[in-house]
Amino acid sequence: MRGITFVVTLALFLLGFYLMAVAFTTPDLEFLLFGGGLVAVCLAFFVPLQLSRD
């Protein structure tokens, strides 16, 4: 279970950084892309913390 959690949260973390970087090159959707990237990075930290509360 920990391995799957690690892979999913790492993917969310990297996707979030990618979305935040792409936001600077997209003229019309910068707010949505940056906000989506920020939410993805926050989820990447939040999900393992919630799953480790045994």
PDB file of N, CA and C in Angstrom:
ATOM      1  N   MET A   1       0.818  -1.200   0.000  1.00  0.00           N
ATOM      2  CA  MET A   1       0.000   0.000   0.000  1.00  0.00           C
ATOM      3  C   MET A   1       0.864   1.268   0.000  1.00  0.00           C
ATOM      4  N   ARG A   2       1.973   1.211   0.746  1.00  0.00           N
ATOM      5  CA  ARG A   2       2.836   2.396   0.823  1.00  0.00           C
ATOM      6  C   ARG A   2       3.470   2.719  -0.520  1.00  0.00           C
ATOM      7  N   GLY A   3       3.798   1.689  -1.283  1.00  0.00           N
ATOM      8  CA  GLY A   3       4.404   1.915  -2.590  1.00  0.00           C
ATOM      9  C   GLY A   3       3.454   2.590  -3.550  1.00  0.00           C
ATOM     10  N   ILE A   4       2.199   2.153  -3.534  1.00  0.00           N
ATOM     11  CA  ILE A   4       1.178   2.766  -4.397  1.00  0.00           C
ATOM     12  C   ILE A   4       0.941   4.205  -3.982  1.00  0.00           C
ATOM     13  N   THR A   5       0.875   4.438  -2.688  1.00  0.00           N
ATOM     14  CA  THR A   5       0.681   5.798  -2.185  1.00  0.00           C
ATOM     15  C   THR A   5       1.837   6.698  -2.600  1.00  0.00           C
ATOM     16  N   PHE A   6       3.054   6.169  -2.508  1.00  0.00           N
ATOM     17  CA  PHE A   6       4.227   6.954  -2.899  1.00  0.00           C
ATOM     18  C   PHE A   6       4.179   7.327  -4.376  1.00  0.00           C
ATOM     19  N   VAL A   7       3.846   6.362  -5.224  1.00  0.00           N
ATOM     20  CA  VAL A   7       3.819   6.623  -6.665  1.00  0.00           C
ATOM     21  C   VAL A   7       2.726   7.636  -7.011  1.00  0.00           C
ATOM     22  N   VAL A   8       1.559   7.489  -6.411  1.00  0.00           N
ATOM     23  CA  VAL A   8       0.440   8.405  -6.709  1.00  0.00           C
ATOM     24  C   VAL A   8       0.759   9.815  -6.223  1.00  0.00           C
ATOM     25  N   THR A   9       1.287   9.934  -5.023  1.00  0.00           N
ATOM     26  CA  THR A   9       1.578  11.275  -4.503  1.00  0.00           C
ATOM     27  C   THR A   9       2.758  11.914  -5.225  1.00  0.00           C
ATOM     28  N   LEU A  10       3.740  11.120  -5.642  1.00  0.00           N
ATOM     29  CA  LEU A  10       4.840  11.673  -6.428  1.00  0.00           C
ATOM     30  C   LEU A  10       4.335  12.177  -7.780  1.00  0.00           C
ATOM     31  N   ALA A  11       3.431  11.418  -8.391  1.00  0.00           N
ATOM     32  CA  ALA A  11       2.850  11.849  -9.664  1.00  0.00           C
ATOM     33  C   ALA A  11       2.053  13.142  -9.489  1.00  0.00           C
ATOM     34  N   LEU A  12       1.273  13.237  -8.418  1.00  0.00           N
ATOM     35  CA  LEU A  12       0.521  14.473  -8.145  1.00  0.00           C
ATOM     36  C   LEU A  12       1.462  15.649  -7.921  1.00  0.00           C
ATOM     37  N   PHE A  13       2.524  15.417  -7.180  1.00  0.00           N
ATOM     38  CA  PHE A  13       3.489  16.466  -6.879  1.00  0.00           C
ATOM     39  C   PHE A  13       4.151  16.990  -8.157  1.00  0.00           C
ATOM     40  N   LEU A  14       4.612  16.077  -8.995  1.00  0.00           N
ATOM     41  CA  LEU A  14       5.273  16.482 -10.230  1.00  0.00           C
ATOM     42  C   LEU A  14       4.285  17.115 -11.212  1.00  0.00           C
ATOM     43  N   LEU A  15       3.078  16.576 -11.281  1.00  0.00           N
ATOM     44  CA  LEU A  15       2.051  17.169 -12.139  1.00  0.00           C
ATOM     45  C   LEU A  15       1.720  18.586 -11.685  1.00  0.00           C
ATOM     46  N   GLY A  16       1.666  18.797 -10.385  1.00  0.00           N
ATOM     47  CA  GLY A  16       1.398  20.131  -9.860  1.00  0.00           C
ATOM     48  C   GLY A  16       2.461  21.126 -10.257  1.00  0.00           C
ATOM     49  N   PHE A  17       3.731  20.724 -10.161  1.00  0.00           N
ATOM     50  CA  PHE A  17       4.811  21.619 -10.587  1.00  0.00           C
ATOM     51  C   PHE A  17       4.760  21.873 -12.081  1.00  0.00           C
ATOM     52  N   TYR A  18       4.422  20.846 -12.838  1.00  0.00           N
ATOM     53  CA  TYR A  18       4.317  21.024 -14.283  1.00  0.00           C
ATOM     54  C   TYR A  18       3.204  22.013 -14.626  1.00  0.00           C
ATOM     55  N   LEU A  19       2.061  21.872 -13.978  1.00  0.00           N
ATOM     56  CA  LEU A  19       0.947  22.790 -14.249  1.00  0.00           C
ATOM     57  C   LEU A  19       1.294  24.226 -13.867  1.00  0.00           C
ATOM     58  N   MET A  20       2.002  24.389 -12.748  1.00  0.00           N
ATOM     59  CA  MET A  20       2.389  25.738 -12.359  1.00  0.00           C
ATOM     60  C   MET A  20       3.393  26.343 -13.342  1.00  0.00           C
ATOM     61  N   ALA A  21       4.269  25.528 -13.900  1.00  0.00           N
ATOM     62  CA  ALA A  21       5.237  26.031 -14.877  1.00  0.00           C
ATOM     63  C   ALA A  21       4.558  26.377 -16.195  1.00  0.00           C
ATOM     64  N   VAL A  22       3.607  25.559 -16.634  1.00  0.00           N
ATOM     65  CA  VAL A  22       2.908  25.804 -17.892  1.00  0.00           C
ATOM     66  C   VAL A  22       2.027  27.044 -17.787  1.00  0.00           C
ATOM     67  N   ALA A  23       1.597  27.380 -16.579  1.00  0.00           N
ATOM     68  CA  ALA A  23       0.726  28.537 -16.396  1.00  0.00           C
ATOM     69  C   ALA A  23       1.387  29.835 -16.848  1.00  0.00           C
ATOM     70  N   PHE A  24       2.712  29.893 -16.790  1.00  0.00           N
ATOM     71  CA  PHE A  24       3.403  31.117 -17.187  1.00  0.00           C
ATOM     72  C   PHE A  24       3.504  31.277 -18.694  1.00  0.00           C
ATOM     73  N   THR A  25       3.266  30.200 -19.435  1.00  0.00           N
ATOM     74  CA  THR A  25       3.364  30.287 -20.891  1.00  0.00           C
ATOM     75  C   THR A  25       2.006  30.292 -21.581  1.00  0.00           C
ATOM     76  N   THR A  26       0.947  30.100 -20.819  1.00  0.00           N
ATOM     77  CA  THR A  26      -0.396  30.076 -21.393  1.00  0.00           C
ATOM     78  C   THR A  26      -1.071  31.413 -21.111  1.00  0.00           C
ATOM     79  N   PRO A  27      -1.429  32.176 -22.128  1.00  0.00           N
ATOM     80  CA  PRO A  27      -1.925  33.527 -21.894  1.00  0.00           C
ATOM     81  C   PRO A  27      -3.334  33.610 -21.302  1.00  0.00           C
ATOM     82  N   ASP A  28      -4.197  32.652 -21.580  1.00  0.00           N
ATOM     83  CA  ASP A  28      -5.593  32.797 -21.146  1.00  0.00           C
ATOM     84  C   ASP A  28      -5.950  32.000 -19.901  1.00  0.00           C
ATOM     85  N   LEU A  29      -5.252  30.935 -19.629  1.00  0.00           N
ATOM     86  CA  LEU A  29      -5.643  30.041 -18.539  1.00  0.00           C
ATOM     87  C   LEU A  29      -4.659  30.031 -17.377  1.00  0.00           C
ATOM     88  N   GLU A  30      -3.895  31.091 -17.217  1.00  0.00           N
ATOM     89  CA  GLU A  30      -2.851  31.055 -16.210  1.00  0.00           C
ATOM     90  C   GLU A  30      -3.384  30.860 -14.796  1.00  0.00           C
ATOM     91  N   PHE A  31      -4.503  31.489 -14.470  1.00  0.00           N
ATOM     92  CA  PHE A  31      -5.049  31.349 -13.119  1.00  0.00           C
ATOM     93  C   PHE A  31      -5.518  29.926 -12.859  1.00  0.00           C
ATOM     94  N   LEU A  32      -6.216  29.346 -13.819  1.00  0.00           N
ATOM     95  CA  LEU A  32      -6.724  27.981 -13.631  1.00  0.00           C
ATOM     96  C   LEU A  32      -5.593  26.961 -13.563  1.00  0.00           C
ATOM     97  N   LEU A  33      -4.605  27.102 -14.422  1.00  0.00           N
ATOM     98  CA  LEU A  33      -3.494  26.152 -14.410  1.00  0.00           C
ATOM     99  C   LEU A  33      -2.665  26.270 -13.133  1.00  0.00           C
ATOM    100  N   PHE A  34      -2.369  27.487 -12.735  1.00  0.00           N
ATOM    101  CA  PHE A  34      -1.586  27.665 -11.515  1.00  0.00           C
ATOM    102  C   PHE A  34      -2.372  27.194 -10.295  1.00  0.00           C
ATOM    103  N   GLY A  35      -3.658  27.520 -10.254  1.00  0.00           N
ATOM    104  CA  GLY A  35      -4.493  27.055  -9.144  1.00  0.00           C
ATOM    105  C   GLY A  35      -4.614  25.546  -9.106  1.00  0.00           C
ATOM    106  N   GLY A  36      -4.767  24.924 -10.268  1.00  0.00           N
ATOM    107  CA  GLY A  36      -4.826  23.467 -10.319  1.00  0.00           C
ATOM    108  C   GLY A  36      -3.522  22.828  -9.882  1.00  0.00           C
ATOM    109  N   GLY A  37      -2.410  23.431 -10.269  1.00  0.00           N
ATOM    110  CA  GLY A  37      -1.115  22.929  -9.824  1.00  0.00           C
ATOM    111  C   GLY A  37      -0.928  23.065  -8.327  1.00  0.00           C
ATOM    112  N   LEU A  38      -1.385  24.162  -7.793  1.00  0.00           N
ATOM    113  CA  LEU A  38      -1.291  24.373  -6.347  1.00  0.00           C
ATOM    114  C   LEU A  38      -2.146  23.362  -5.589  1.00  0.00           C
ATOM    115  N   VAL A  39      -3.340  23.098  -6.084  1.00  0.00           N
ATOM    116  CA  VAL A  39      -4.210  22.097  -5.460  1.00  0.00           C
ATOM    117  C   VAL A  39      -3.581  20.709  -5.551  1.00  0.00           C
ATOM    118  N   ALA A  40      -2.974  20.377  -6.676  1.00  0.00           N
ATOM    119  CA  ALA A  40      -2.340  19.066  -6.840  1.00  0.00           C
ATOM    120  C   ALA A  40      -1.177  18.891  -5.868  1.00  0.00           C
ATOM    121  N   VAL A  41      -0.369  19.920  -5.692  1.00  0.00           N
ATOM    122  CA  VAL A  41       0.754  19.830  -4.756  1.00  0.00           C
ATOM    123  C   VAL A  41       0.240  19.710  -3.318  1.00  0.00           C
ATOM    124  N   CYS A  42      -0.801  20.449  -2.985  1.00  0.00           N
ATOM    125  CA  CYS A  42      -1.378  20.346  -1.640  1.00  0.00           C
ATOM    126  C   CYS A  42      -1.936  18.952  -1.390  1.00  0.00           C
ATOM    127  N   LEU A  43      -2.596  18.386  -2.381  1.00  0.00           N
ATOM    128  CA  LEU A  43      -3.112  17.017  -2.241  1.00  0.00           C
ATOM    129  C   LEU A  43      -1.977  16.009  -2.105  1.00  0.00           C
ATOM    130  N   ALA A  44      -0.871  16.255  -2.783  1.00  0.00           N
ATOM    131  CA  ALA A  44       0.266  15.346  -2.690  1.00  0.00           C
ATOM    132  C   ALA A  44       0.818  15.301  -1.264  1.00  0.00           C
ATOM    133  N   PHE A  45       0.683  16.378  -0.513  1.00  0.00           N
ATOM    134  CA  PHE A  45       1.096  16.360   0.887  1.00  0.00           C
ATOM    135  C   PHE A  45      -0.025  15.891   1.807  1.00  0.00           C
ATOM    136  N   PHE A  46      -1.259  16.182   1.468  1.00  0.00           N
ATOM    137  CA  PHE A  46      -2.385  15.882   2.341  1.00  0.00           C
ATOM    138  C   PHE A  46      -2.733  14.397   2.351  1.00  0.00           C
ATOM    139  N   VAL A  47      -2.695  13.740   1.202  1.00  0.00           N
ATOM    140  CA  VAL A  47      -3.114  12.343   1.091  1.00  0.00           C
ATOM    141  C   VAL A  47      -2.270  11.422   1.972  1.00  0.00           C
ATOM    142  N   PRO A  48      -0.935  11.474   1.930  1.00  0.00           N
ATOM    143  CA  PRO A  48      -0.177  10.568   2.802  1.00  0.00           C
ATOM    144  C   PRO A  48      -0.373  10.861   4.288  1.00  0.00           C
ATOM    145  N   LEU A  49      -0.571  12.120   4.625  1.00  0.00           N
ATOM    146  CA  LEU A  49      -0.808  12.437   6.033  1.00  0.00           C
ATOM    147  C   LEU A  49      -2.117  11.830   6.532  1.00  0.00           C
ATOM    148  N   GLN A  50      -3.129  11.829   5.690  1.00  0.00           N
ATOM    149  CA  GLN A  50      -4.406  11.245   6.085  1.00  0.00           C
ATOM    150  C   GLN A  50      -4.352   9.713   6.109  1.00  0.00           C
ATOM    151  N   LEU A  51      -3.596   9.126   5.194  1.00  0.00           N
ATOM    152  CA  LEU A  51      -3.506   7.672   5.162  1.00  0.00           C
ATOM    153  C   LEU A  51      -2.630   7.113   6.285  1.00  0.00           C
ATOM    154  N   SER A  52      -1.751   7.917   6.831  1.00  0.00           N
ATOM    155  CA  SER A  52      -0.871   7.422   7.897  1.00  0.00           C
ATOM    156  C   SER A  52      -1.452   7.623   9.305  1.00  0.00           C
ATOM    157  N   ARG A  53      -2.683   8.057   9.383  1.00  0.00           N
ATOM    158  CA  ARG A  53      -3.327   8.286  10.691  1.00  0.00           C
ATOM    159  C   ARG A  53      -3.962   7.003  11.228  1.00  0.00           C
ATOM    160  N   ASP A  54      -3.193   5.958  11.361  1.00  0.00           N
ATOM    161  CA  ASP A  54      -3.745   4.678  11.860  1.00  0.00           C
ATOM    162  C   ASP A  54      -3.825   4.651  13.344  1.00  0.00           C
TER     163      ASP A  54
END
